[in-house]
PDB file of all heavy atoms in Angstrom:
ATOM      1  N   ARG A   1     -36.651 -57.069 -53.494  1.00  0.00           N
ATOM      2  CA  ARG A   1     -36.099 -55.832 -52.910  1.00  0.00           C
ATOM      3  C   ARG A   1     -37.219 -54.975 -52.334  1.00  0.00           C
ATOM      4  O   ARG A   1     -37.085 -54.396 -51.257  1.00  0.00           O
ATOM      5  CB  ARG A   1     -35.303 -55.050 -53.950  1.00  0.00           C
ATOM      6  CG  ARG A   1     -33.898 -55.545 -54.159  1.00  0.00           C
ATOM      7  CD  ARG A   1     -33.044 -54.567 -54.966  1.00  0.00           C
ATOM      8  NE  ARG A   1     -33.677 -54.087 -56.185  1.00  0.00           N
ATOM      9  CZ  ARG A   1     -33.654 -54.705 -57.360  1.00  0.00           C
ATOM     10  NH1 ARG A   1     -33.032 -55.860 -57.476  1.00  0.00           N
ATOM     11  NH2 ARG A   1     -34.248 -54.181 -58.419  1.00  0.00           N
ATOM     12  N   ASN A   2     -38.335 -54.889 -53.063  1.00  0.00           N
ATOM     13  CA  ASN A   2     -39.475 -54.114 -52.562  1.00  0.00           C
ATOM     14  C   ASN A   2     -40.024 -54.720 -51.268  1.00  0.00           C
ATOM     15  O   ASN A   2     -40.407 -54.000 -50.352  1.00  0.00           O
ATOM     16  CB  ASN A   2     -40.578 -54.018 -53.616  1.00  0.00           C
ATOM     17  CG  ASN A   2     -40.238 -53.056 -54.730  1.00  0.00           C
ATOM     18  OD1 ASN A   2     -39.426 -52.147 -54.535  1.00  0.00           O
ATOM     19  ND2 ASN A   2     -40.833 -53.248 -55.889  1.00  0.00           N
ATOM     20  N   CYS A   3     -40.044 -56.033 -51.204  1.00  0.00           N
ATOM     21  CA  CYS A   3     -40.499 -56.696 -49.983  1.00  0.00           C
ATOM     22  C   CYS A   3     -39.607 -56.336 -48.805  1.00  0.00           C
ATOM     23  O   CYS A   3     -40.092 -56.097 -47.689  1.00  0.00           O
ATOM     24  CB  CYS A   3     -40.524 -58.211 -50.173  1.00  0.00           C
ATOM     25  SG  CYS A   3     -41.876 -58.776 -51.221  1.00  0.00           S
ATOM     26  N   LEU A   4     -38.311 -56.300 -49.042  1.00  0.00           N
ATOM     27  CA  LEU A   4     -37.382 -55.918 -47.974  1.00  0.00           C
ATOM     28  C   LEU A   4     -37.659 -54.490 -47.506  1.00  0.00           C
ATOM     29  O   LEU A   4     -37.627 -54.205 -46.299  1.00  0.00           O
ATOM     30  CB  LEU A   4     -35.935 -56.062 -48.438  1.00  0.00           C
ATOM     31  CG  LEU A   4     -35.458 -57.481 -48.720  1.00  0.00           C
ATOM     32  CD1 LEU A   4     -34.023 -57.467 -49.245  1.00  0.00           C
ATOM     33  CD2 LEU A   4     -35.561 -58.359 -47.483  1.00  0.00           C
ATOM     34  N   ARG A   5     -37.954 -53.605 -48.449  1.00  0.00           N
ATOM     35  CA  ARG A   5     -38.293 -52.223 -48.065  1.00  0.00           C
ATOM     36  C   ARG A   5     -39.578 -52.182 -47.229  1.00  0.00           C
ATOM     37  O   ARG A   5     -39.667 -51.448 -46.253  1.00  0.00           O
ATOM     38  CB  ARG A   5     -38.449 -51.365 -49.324  1.00  0.00           C
ATOM     39  CG  ARG A   5     -37.142 -51.096 -50.014  1.00  0.00           C
ATOM     40  CD  ARG A   5     -37.351 -50.167 -51.218  1.00  0.00           C
ATOM     41  NE  ARG A   5     -36.121 -50.069 -51.955  1.00  0.00           N
ATOM     42  CZ  ARG A   5     -35.987 -50.447 -53.222  1.00  0.00           C
ATOM     43  NH1 ARG A   5     -37.020 -50.914 -53.902  1.00  0.00           N
ATOM     44  NH2 ARG A   5     -34.825 -50.331 -53.823  1.00  0.00           N
ATOM     45  N   PHE A   6     -40.571 -52.975 -47.638  1.00  0.00           N
ATOM     46  CA  PHE A   6     -41.824 -53.022 -46.876  1.00  0.00           C
ATOM     47  C   PHE A   6     -41.593 -53.575 -45.471  1.00  0.00           C
ATOM     48  O   PHE A   6     -42.200 -53.116 -44.505  1.00  0.00           O
ATOM     49  CB  PHE A   6     -42.885 -53.849 -47.602  1.00  0.00           C
ATOM     50  CG  PHE A   6     -43.576 -53.101 -48.694  1.00  0.00           C
ATOM     51  CD1 PHE A   6     -43.344 -53.416 -50.028  1.00  0.00           C
ATOM     52  CD2 PHE A   6     -44.474 -52.081 -48.402  1.00  0.00           C
ATOM     53  CE1 PHE A   6     -43.980 -52.729 -51.043  1.00  0.00           C
ATOM     54  CE2 PHE A   6     -45.124 -51.390 -49.411  1.00  0.00           C
ATOM     55  CZ  PHE A   6     -44.869 -51.712 -50.738  1.00  0.00           C
ATOM     56  N   LEU A   7     -40.729 -54.572 -45.368  1.00  0.00           N
ATOM     57  CA  LEU A   7     -40.412 -55.126 -44.038  1.00  0.00           C
ATOM     58  C   LEU A   7     -39.787 -54.071 -43.144  1.00  0.00           C
ATOM     59  O   LEU A   7     -40.154 -53.934 -41.970  1.00  0.00           O
ATOM     60  CB  LEU A   7     -39.483 -56.331 -44.172  1.00  0.00           C
ATOM     61  CG  LEU A   7     -40.096 -57.603 -44.723  1.00  0.00           C
ATOM     62  CD1 LEU A   7     -39.015 -58.644 -44.986  1.00  0.00           C
ATOM     63  CD2 LEU A   7     -41.143 -58.147 -43.774  1.00  0.00           C
ATOM     64  N   LYS A   8     -38.833 -53.320 -43.696  1.00  0.00           N
ATOM     65  CA  LYS A   8     -38.186 -52.261 -42.911  1.00  0.00           C
ATOM     66  C   LYS A   8     -39.198 -51.196 -42.503  1.00  0.00           C
ATOM     67  O   LYS A   8     -39.195 -50.725 -41.367  1.00  0.00           O
ATOM     68  CB  LYS A   8     -37.052 -51.628 -43.715  1.00  0.00           C
ATOM     69  CG  LYS A   8     -35.852 -52.525 -43.893  1.00  0.00           C
ATOM     70  CD  LYS A   8     -34.798 -51.869 -44.776  1.00  0.00           C
ATOM     71  CE  LYS A   8     -33.646 -52.795 -45.042  1.00  0.00           C
ATOM     72  NZ  LYS A   8     -32.664 -52.199 -45.965  1.00  0.00           N
ATOM     73  N   ALA A   9     -40.078 -50.826 -43.437  1.00  0.00           N
ATOM     74  CA  ALA A   9     -41.104 -49.820 -43.137  1.00  0.00           C
ATOM     75  C   ALA A   9     -42.060 -50.324 -42.058  1.00  0.00           C
ATOM     76  O   ALA A   9     -42.425 -49.576 -41.139  1.00  0.00           O
ATOM     77  CB  ALA A   9     -41.867 -49.462 -44.407  1.00  0.00           C
ATOM     78  N   HIS A  10     -42.453 -51.584 -42.149  1.00  0.00           N
ATOM     79  CA  HIS A  10     -43.366 -52.143 -41.156  1.00  0.00           C
ATOM     80  C   HIS A  10     -42.722 -52.149 -39.772  1.00  0.00           C
ATOM     81  O   HIS A  10     -43.372 -51.798 -38.778  1.00  0.00           O
ATOM     82  CB  HIS A  10     -43.795 -53.555 -41.561  1.00  0.00           C
ATOM     83  CG  HIS A  10     -44.839 -54.129 -40.678  1.00  0.00           C
ATOM     84  ND1 HIS A  10     -44.542 -54.960 -39.624  1.00  0.00           N
ATOM     85  CD2 HIS A  10     -46.191 -53.978 -40.680  1.00  0.00           C
ATOM     86  CE1 HIS A  10     -45.665 -55.304 -39.015  1.00  0.00           C
ATOM     87  NE2 HIS A  10     -46.674 -54.721 -39.635  1.00  0.00           N
ATOM     88  N   ALA A  11     -41.459 -52.549 -39.710  1.00  0.00           N
ATOM     89  CA  ALA A  11     -40.749 -52.540 -38.425  1.00  0.00           C
ATOM     90  C   ALA A  11     -40.707 -51.121 -37.864  1.00  0.00           C
ATOM     91  O   ALA A  11     -40.948 -50.908 -36.665  1.00  0.00           O
ATOM     92  CB  ALA A  11     -39.339 -53.096 -38.599  1.00  0.00           C
ATOM     93  N   TRP A  12     -40.439 -50.152 -38.710  1.00  0.00           N
ATOM     94  CA  TRP A  12     -40.374 -48.759 -38.267  1.00  0.00           C
ATOM     95  C   TRP A  12     -41.729 -48.299 -37.747  1.00  0.00           C
ATOM     96  O   TRP A  12     -41.823 -47.638 -36.714  1.00  0.00           O
ATOM     97  CB  TRP A  12     -39.901 -47.873 -39.420  1.00  0.00           C
ATOM     98  CG  TRP A  12     -39.782 -46.438 -39.030  1.00  0.00           C
ATOM     99  CD1 TRP A  12     -38.769 -45.854 -38.342  1.00  0.00           C
ATOM    100  CD2 TRP A  12     -40.748 -45.410 -39.280  1.00  0.00           C
ATOM    101  NE1 TRP A  12     -39.038 -44.523 -38.152  1.00  0.00           N
ATOM    102  CE2 TRP A  12     -40.248 -44.222 -38.723  1.00  0.00           C
ATOM    103  CE3 TRP A  12     -41.970 -45.389 -39.940  1.00  0.00           C
ATOM    104  CZ2 TRP A  12     -40.933 -43.014 -38.799  1.00  0.00           C
ATOM    105  CZ3 TRP A  12     -42.655 -44.186 -40.009  1.00  0.00           C
ATOM    106  CH2 TRP A  12     -42.135 -43.021 -39.443  1.00  0.00           C
ATOM    107  N   LEU A  13     -42.802 -48.661 -38.470  1.00  0.00           N
ATOM    108  CA  LEU A  13     -44.148 -48.285 -38.025  1.00  0.00           C
ATOM    109  C   LEU A  13     -44.513 -48.938 -36.692  1.00  0.00           C
ATOM    110  O   LEU A  13     -45.323 -48.404 -35.933  1.00  0.00           O
ATOM    111  CB  LEU A  13     -45.186 -48.665 -39.085  1.00  0.00           C
ATOM    112  CG  LEU A  13     -45.170 -47.811 -40.348  1.00  0.00           C
ATOM    113  CD1 LEU A  13     -46.062 -48.428 -41.414  1.00  0.00           C
ATOM    114  CD2 LEU A  13     -45.598 -46.381 -40.046  1.00  0.00           C
ATOM    115  N   GLU A  14     -43.905 -50.096 -36.426  1.00  0.00           N
ATOM    116  CA  GLU A  14     -44.133 -50.786 -35.156  1.00  0.00           C
ATOM    117  C   GLU A  14     -43.208 -50.258 -34.049  1.00  0.00           C
ATOM    118  O   GLU A  14     -43.226 -50.766 -32.934  1.00  0.00           O
ATOM    119  CB  GLU A  14     -43.923 -52.295 -35.327  1.00  0.00           C
ATOM    120  CG  GLU A  14     -44.944 -52.967 -36.228  1.00  0.00           C
ATOM    121  CD  GLU A  14     -46.328 -53.019 -35.605  1.00  0.00           C
ATOM    122  OE1 GLU A  14     -46.427 -53.306 -34.393  1.00  0.00           O
ATOM    123  OE2 GLU A  14     -47.306 -52.767 -36.329  1.00  0.00           O
ATOM    124  N   GLY A  15     -42.385 -49.262 -34.379  1.00  0.00           N
ATOM    125  CA  GLY A  15     -41.521 -48.639 -33.384  1.00  0.00           C
ATOM    126  C   GLY A  15     -40.188 -49.350 -33.188  1.00  0.00           C
ATOM    127  O   GLY A  15     -39.540 -49.172 -32.165  1.00  0.00           O
ATOM    128  N   ARG A  16     -39.776 -50.126 -34.167  1.00  0.00           N
ATOM    129  CA  ARG A  16     -38.510 -50.851 -34.072  1.00  0.00           C
ATOM    130  C   ARG A  16     -37.573 -50.424 -35.193  1.00  0.00           C
ATOM    131  O   ARG A  16     -38.018 -50.015 -36.264  1.00  0.00           O
ATOM    132  CB  ARG A  16     -38.747 -52.361 -34.160  1.00  0.00           C
ATOM    133  CG  ARG A  16     -39.465 -52.919 -32.958  1.00  0.00           C
ATOM    134  CD  ARG A  16     -39.701 -54.422 -33.055  1.00  0.00           C
ATOM    135  NE  ARG A  16     -40.974 -54.669 -33.742  1.00  0.00           N
ATOM    136  CZ  ARG A  16     -41.086 -55.128 -34.975  1.00  0.00           C
ATOM    137  NH1 ARG A  16     -40.028 -55.447 -35.670  1.00  0.00           N
ATOM    138  NH2 ARG A  16     -42.272 -55.303 -35.530  1.00  0.00           N
ATOM    139  N   ASN A  17     -36.287 -50.545 -34.950  1.00  0.00           N
ATOM    140  CA  ASN A  17     -35.285 -50.244 -35.964  1.00  0.00           C
ATOM    141  C   ASN A  17     -34.851 -51.493 -36.715  1.00  0.00           C
ATOM    142  O   ASN A  17     -34.139 -51.396 -37.709  1.00  0.00           O
ATOM    143  CB  ASN A  17     -34.045 -49.594 -35.335  1.00  0.00           C
ATOM    144  CG  ASN A  17     -34.354 -48.230 -34.775  1.00  0.00           C
ATOM    145  OD1 ASN A  17     -35.190 -47.514 -35.306  1.00  0.00           O
ATOM    146  ND2 ASN A  17     -33.693 -47.873 -33.687  1.00  0.00           N
ATOM    147  N   VAL A  18     -35.265 -52.649 -36.220  1.00  0.00           N
ATOM    148  CA  VAL A  18     -34.850 -53.919 -36.796  1.00  0.00           C
ATOM    149  C   VAL A  18     -36.094 -54.735 -37.157  1.00  0.00           C
ATOM    150  O   VAL A  18     -37.069 -54.758 -36.411  1.00  0.00           O
ATOM    151  CB  VAL A  18     -33.984 -54.711 -35.781  1.00  0.00           C
ATOM    152  CG1 VAL A  18     -33.560 -56.049 -36.344  1.00  0.00           C
ATOM    153  CG2 VAL A  18     -32.767 -53.895 -35.376  1.00  0.00           C
ATOM    154  N   VAL A  19     -36.016 -55.426 -38.280  1.00  0.00           N
ATOM    155  CA  VAL A  19     -37.119 -56.282 -38.724  1.00  0.00           C
ATOM    156  C   VAL A  19     -37.144 -57.541 -37.857  1.00  0.00           C
ATOM    157  O   VAL A  19     -36.115 -58.172 -37.624  1.00  0.00           O
ATOM    158  CB  VAL A  19     -36.951 -56.671 -40.214  1.00  0.00           C
ATOM    159  CG1 VAL A  19     -37.992 -57.684 -40.632  1.00  0.00           C
ATOM    160  CG2 VAL A  19     -37.012 -55.428 -41.089  1.00  0.00           C
ATOM    161  N   ALA A  20     -38.338 -57.886 -37.378  1.00  0.00           N
ATOM    162  CA  ALA A  20     -38.521 -59.103 -36.582  1.00  0.00           C
ATOM    163  C   ALA A  20     -39.222 -60.153 -37.445  1.00  0.00           C
ATOM    164  O   ALA A  20     -39.848 -59.832 -38.464  1.00  0.00           O
ATOM    165  CB  ALA A  20     -39.366 -58.792 -35.349  1.00  0.00           C
ATOM    166  N   ASP A  21     -39.121 -61.401 -37.037  1.00  0.00           N
ATOM    167  CA  ASP A  21     -39.769 -62.485 -37.788  1.00  0.00           C
ATOM    168  C   ASP A  21     -41.260 -62.241 -37.963  1.00  0.00           C
ATOM    169  O   ASP A  21     -41.835 -62.566 -39.006  1.00  0.00           O
ATOM    170  CB  ASP A  21     -39.552 -63.833 -37.089  1.00  0.00           C
ATOM    171  CG  ASP A  21     -38.125 -64.321 -37.198  1.00  0.00           C
ATOM    172  OD1 ASP A  21     -37.353 -63.756 -38.013  1.00  0.00           O
ATOM    173  OD2 ASP A  21     -37.768 -65.266 -36.477  1.00  0.00           O
ATOM    174  N   ASP A  22     -41.913 -61.675 -36.949  1.00  0.00           N
ATOM    175  CA  ASP A  22     -43.353 -61.423 -37.026  1.00  0.00           C
ATOM    176  C   ASP A  22     -43.717 -60.453 -38.147  1.00  0.00           C
ATOM    177  O   ASP A  22     -44.827 -60.478 -38.667  1.00  0.00           O
ATOM    178  CB  ASP A  22     -43.880 -60.882 -35.700  1.00  0.00           C
ATOM    179  CG  ASP A  22     -43.938 -61.944 -34.617  1.00  0.00           C
ATOM    180  OD1 ASP A  22     -43.984 -63.134 -34.965  1.00  0.00           O
ATOM    181  OD2 ASP A  22     -43.944 -61.578 -33.427  1.00  0.00           O
ATOM    182  N   ASP A  23     -42.771 -59.582 -38.543  1.00  0.00           N
ATOM    183  CA  ASP A  23     -43.034 -58.626 -39.620  1.00  0.00           C
ATOM    184  C   ASP A  23     -43.256 -59.323 -40.962  1.00  0.00           C
ATOM    185  O   ASP A  23     -43.933 -58.792 -41.836  1.00  0.00           O
ATOM    186  CB  ASP A  23     -41.861 -57.640 -39.764  1.00  0.00           C
ATOM    187  CG  ASP A  23     -41.712 -56.736 -38.554  1.00  0.00           C
ATOM    188  OD1 ASP A  23     -42.741 -56.332 -37.985  1.00  0.00           O
ATOM    189  OD2 ASP A  23     -40.564 -56.437 -38.183  1.00  0.00           O
ATOM    190  N   ILE A  24     -42.684 -60.492 -41.128  1.00  0.00           N
ATOM    191  CA  ILE A  24     -42.757 -61.209 -42.401  1.00  0.00           C
ATOM    192  C   ILE A  24     -44.206 -61.494 -42.798  1.00  0.00           C
ATOM    193  O   ILE A  24     -44.522 -61.623 -43.980  1.00  0.00           O
ATOM    194  CB  ILE A  24     -41.909 -62.501 -42.339  1.00  0.00           C
ATOM    195  CG1 ILE A  24     -40.427 -62.118 -42.238  1.00  0.00           C
ATOM    196  CG2 ILE A  24     -42.147 -63.388 -43.533  1.00  0.00           C
ATOM    197  CD1 ILE A  24     -39.497 -63.284 -42.016  1.00  0.00           C
ATOM    198  N   ALA A  25     -45.106 -61.527 -41.841  1.00  0.00           N
ATOM    199  CA  ALA A  25     -46.515 -61.829 -42.124  1.00  0.00           C
ATOM    200  C   ALA A  25     -47.117 -60.877 -43.153  1.00  0.00           C
ATOM    201  O   ALA A  25     -47.995 -61.275 -43.920  1.00  0.00           O
ATOM    202  CB  ALA A  25     -47.327 -61.804 -40.839  1.00  0.00           C
ATOM    203  N   ILE A  26     -46.648 -59.642 -43.205  1.00  0.00           N
ATOM    204  CA  ILE A  26     -47.226 -58.682 -44.150  1.00  0.00           C
ATOM    205  C   ILE A  26     -46.952 -59.072 -45.600  1.00  0.00           C
ATOM    206  O   ILE A  26     -47.636 -58.609 -46.508  1.00  0.00           O
ATOM    207  CB  ILE A  26     -46.732 -57.234 -43.902  1.00  0.00           C
ATOM    208  CG1 ILE A  26     -45.234 -57.102 -44.187  1.00  0.00           C
ATOM    209  CG2 ILE A  26     -47.090 -56.772 -42.511  1.00  0.00           C
ATOM    210  CD1 ILE A  26     -44.780 -55.678 -44.357  1.00  0.00           C
ATOM    211  N   LEU A  27     -45.980 -59.931 -45.822  1.00  0.00           N
ATOM    212  CA  LEU A  27     -45.625 -60.316 -47.190  1.00  0.00           C
ATOM    213  C   LEU A  27     -46.611 -61.302 -47.806  1.00  0.00           C
ATOM    214  O   LEU A  27     -46.583 -61.527 -49.012  1.00  0.00           O
ATOM    215  CB  LEU A  27     -44.219 -60.912 -47.225  1.00  0.00           C
ATOM    216  CG  LEU A  27     -43.080 -60.012 -46.748  1.00  0.00           C
ATOM    217  CD1 LEU A  27     -41.757 -60.743 -46.854  1.00  0.00           C
ATOM    218  CD2 LEU A  27     -43.062 -58.705 -47.524  1.00  0.00           C
ATOM    219  N   SER A  28     -47.486 -61.880 -47.008  1.00  0.00           N
ATOM    220  CA  SER A  28     -48.389 -62.910 -47.523  1.00  0.00           C
ATOM    221  C   SER A  28     -49.300 -62.390 -48.637  1.00  0.00           C
ATOM    222  O   SER A  28     -49.738 -63.155 -49.478  1.00  0.00           O
ATOM    223  CB  SER A  28     -49.226 -63.515 -46.398  1.00  0.00           C
ATOM    224  OG  SER A  28     -50.081 -62.539 -45.855  1.00  0.00           O
ATOM    225  N   ASN A  29     -49.553 -61.103 -48.647  1.00  0.00           N
ATOM    226  CA  ASN A  29     -50.397 -60.529 -49.688  1.00  0.00           C
ATOM    227  C   ASN A  29     -49.598 -59.920 -50.832  1.00  0.00           C
ATOM    228  O   ASN A  29     -50.176 -59.329 -51.743  1.00  0.00           O
ATOM    229  CB  ASN A  29     -51.319 -59.461 -49.095  1.00  0.00           C
ATOM    230  CG  ASN A  29     -52.322 -60.056 -48.155  1.00  0.00           C
ATOM    231  OD1 ASN A  29     -52.915 -61.075 -48.455  1.00  0.00           O
ATOM    232  ND2 ASN A  29     -52.501 -59.448 -47.005  1.00  0.00           N
ATOM    233  N   MET A  30     -48.289 -60.076 -50.803  1.00  0.00           N
ATOM    234  CA  MET A  30     -47.447 -59.450 -51.813  1.00  0.00           C
ATOM    235  C   MET A  30     -46.727 -60.449 -52.711  1.00  0.00           C
ATOM    236  O   MET A  30     -46.107 -60.051 -53.690  1.00  0.00           O
ATOM    237  CB  MET A  30     -46.395 -58.586 -51.114  1.00  0.00           C
ATOM    238  CG  MET A  30     -46.977 -57.485 -50.262  1.00  0.00           C
ATOM    239  SD  MET A  30     -45.748 -56.690 -49.216  1.00  0.00           S
ATOM    240  CE  MET A  30     -44.656 -56.020 -50.423  1.00  0.00           C
ATOM    241  N   LEU A  31     -46.781 -61.716 -52.387  1.00  0.00           N
ATOM    242  CA  LEU A  31     -45.909 -62.671 -53.058  1.00  0.00           C
ATOM    243  C   LEU A  31     -46.609 -63.624 -54.017  1.00  0.00           C
ATOM    244  O   LEU A  31     -45.960 -64.445 -54.644  1.00  0.00           O
ATOM    245  CB  LEU A  31     -45.120 -63.463 -52.011  1.00  0.00           C
ATOM    246  CG  LEU A  31     -44.194 -62.608 -51.152  1.00  0.00           C
ATOM    247  CD1 LEU A  31     -43.599 -63.438 -50.027  1.00  0.00           C
ATOM    248  CD2 LEU A  31     -43.104 -61.992 -51.998  1.00  0.00           C
ATOM    249  N   TRP A  32     -47.899 -63.526 -54.159  1.00  0.00           N
ATOM    250  CA  TRP A  32     -48.599 -64.413 -55.087  1.00  0.00           C
ATOM    251  C   TRP A  32     -48.875 -63.665 -56.387  1.00  0.00           C
ATOM    252  O   TRP A  32     -48.997 -62.452 -56.399  1.00  0.00           O
ATOM    253  CB  TRP A  32     -49.883 -64.950 -54.470  1.00  0.00           C
ATOM    254  CG  TRP A  32     -50.840 -63.899 -53.990  1.00  0.00           C
ATOM    255  CD1 TRP A  32     -50.882 -63.349 -52.744  1.00  0.00           C
ATOM    256  CD2 TRP A  32     -51.872 -63.263 -54.755  1.00  0.00           C
ATOM    257  NE1 TRP A  32     -51.885 -62.410 -52.683  1.00  0.00           N
ATOM    258  CE2 TRP A  32     -52.505 -62.343 -53.895  1.00  0.00           C
ATOM    259  CE3 TRP A  32     -52.320 -63.381 -56.051  1.00  0.00           C
ATOM    260  CZ2 TRP A  32     -53.561 -61.538 -54.306  1.00  0.00           C
ATOM    261  CZ3 TRP A  32     -53.379 -62.593 -56.466  1.00  0.00           C
ATOM    262  CH2 TRP A  32     -53.988 -61.683 -55.593  1.00  0.00           C
ATOM    263  N   THR A  33     -48.945 -64.425 -57.476  1.00  0.00           N
ATOM    264  CA  THR A  33     -49.254 -63.830 -58.769  1.00  0.00           C
ATOM    265  C   THR A  33     -50.578 -64.346 -59.322  1.00  0.00           C
ATOM    266  O   THR A  33     -51.159 -63.728 -60.196  1.00  0.00           O
ATOM    267  CB  THR A  33     -48.133 -64.127 -59.796  1.00  0.00           C
ATOM    268  OG1 THR A  33     -47.900 -65.528 -59.825  1.00  0.00           O
ATOM    269  CG2 THR A  33     -46.862 -63.398 -59.424  1.00  0.00           C
ATOM    270  N   ASP A  34     -51.029 -65.466 -58.820  1.00  0.00           N
ATOM    271  CA  ASP A  34     -52.271 -66.093 -59.263  1.00  0.00           C
ATOM    272  C   ASP A  34     -53.173 -66.235 -58.028  1.00  0.00           C
ATOM    273  O   ASP A  34     -52.717 -66.709 -56.987  1.00  0.00           O
ATOM    274  CB  ASP A  34     -51.951 -67.473 -59.856  1.00  0.00           C
ATOM    275  CG  ASP A  34     -53.162 -68.196 -60.401  1.00  0.00           C
ATOM    276  OD1 ASP A  34     -54.296 -67.728 -60.186  1.00  0.00           O
ATOM    277  OD2 ASP A  34     -52.966 -69.237 -61.049  1.00  0.00           O
ATOM    278  N   PRO A  35     -54.430 -65.824 -58.100  1.00  0.00           N
ATOM    279  CA  PRO A  35     -55.307 -65.915 -56.923  1.00  0.00           C
ATOM    280  C   PRO A  35     -55.358 -67.309 -56.294  1.00  0.00           C
ATOM    281  O   PRO A  35     -55.603 -67.432 -55.105  1.00  0.00           O
ATOM    282  CB  PRO A  35     -56.669 -65.499 -57.460  1.00  0.00           C
ATOM    283  CG  PRO A  35     -56.361 -64.609 -58.611  1.00  0.00           C
ATOM    284  CD  PRO A  35     -55.106 -65.172 -59.228  1.00  0.00           C
ATOM    285  N   GLU A  36     -55.096 -68.342 -57.078  1.00  0.00           N
ATOM    286  CA  GLU A  36     -55.088 -69.696 -56.524  1.00  0.00           C
ATOM    287  C   GLU A  36     -53.906 -69.922 -55.583  1.00  0.00           C
ATOM    288  O   GLU A  36     -53.889 -70.882 -54.817  1.00  0.00           O
ATOM    289  CB  GLU A  36     -55.061 -70.723 -57.656  1.00  0.00           C
ATOM    290  CG  GLU A  36     -56.349 -70.742 -58.460  1.00  0.00           C
ATOM    291  CD  GLU A  36     -56.302 -71.733 -59.610  1.00  0.00           C
ATOM    292  OE1 GLU A  36     -55.301 -72.465 -59.746  1.00  0.00           O
ATOM    293  OE2 GLU A  36     -57.283 -71.771 -60.372  1.00  0.00           O
ATOM    294  N   GLN A  37     -52.919 -69.033 -55.622  1.00  0.00           N
ATOM    295  CA  GLN A  37     -51.734 -69.163 -54.772  1.00  0.00           C
ATOM    296  C   GLN A  37     -51.904 -68.486 -53.414  1.00  0.00           C
ATOM    297  O   GLN A  37     -51.047 -68.633 -52.544  1.00  0.00           O
ATOM    298  CB  GLN A  37     -50.515 -68.541 -55.459  1.00  0.00           C
ATOM    299  CG  GLN A  37     -50.076 -69.217 -56.720  1.00  0.00           C
ATOM    300  CD  GLN A  37     -48.939 -68.463 -57.392  1.00  0.00           C
ATOM    301  OE1 GLN A  37     -48.931 -67.235 -57.442  1.00  0.00           O
ATOM    302  NE2 GLN A  37     -47.973 -69.218 -57.897  1.00  0.00           N
ATOM    303  N   ILE A  38     -52.988 -67.765 -53.223  1.00  0.00           N
ATOM    304  CA  ILE A  38     -53.145 -66.967 -52.001  1.00  0.00           C
ATOM    305  C   ILE A  38     -53.047 -67.823 -50.749  1.00  0.00           C
ATOM    306  O   ILE A  38     -52.271 -67.516 -49.838  1.00  0.00           O
ATOM    307  CB  ILE A  38     -54.473 -66.176 -52.025  1.00  0.00           C
ATOM    308  CG1 ILE A  38     -54.435 -65.130 -53.136  1.00  0.00           C
ATOM    309  CG2 ILE A  38     -54.738 -65.517 -50.673  1.00  0.00           C
ATOM    310  CD1 ILE A  38     -55.758 -64.419 -53.366  1.00  0.00           C
TER     311      ILE A  38
END
């Protein structure tokens, strides 16, 4: 759910009202729990 909020915020910061596929890139630093998963 937090990731979805970050996606919406990123789209808004990019001047869009809708999340685009390119926005998903910001999640790469949010979804790992072990540094080996980066």
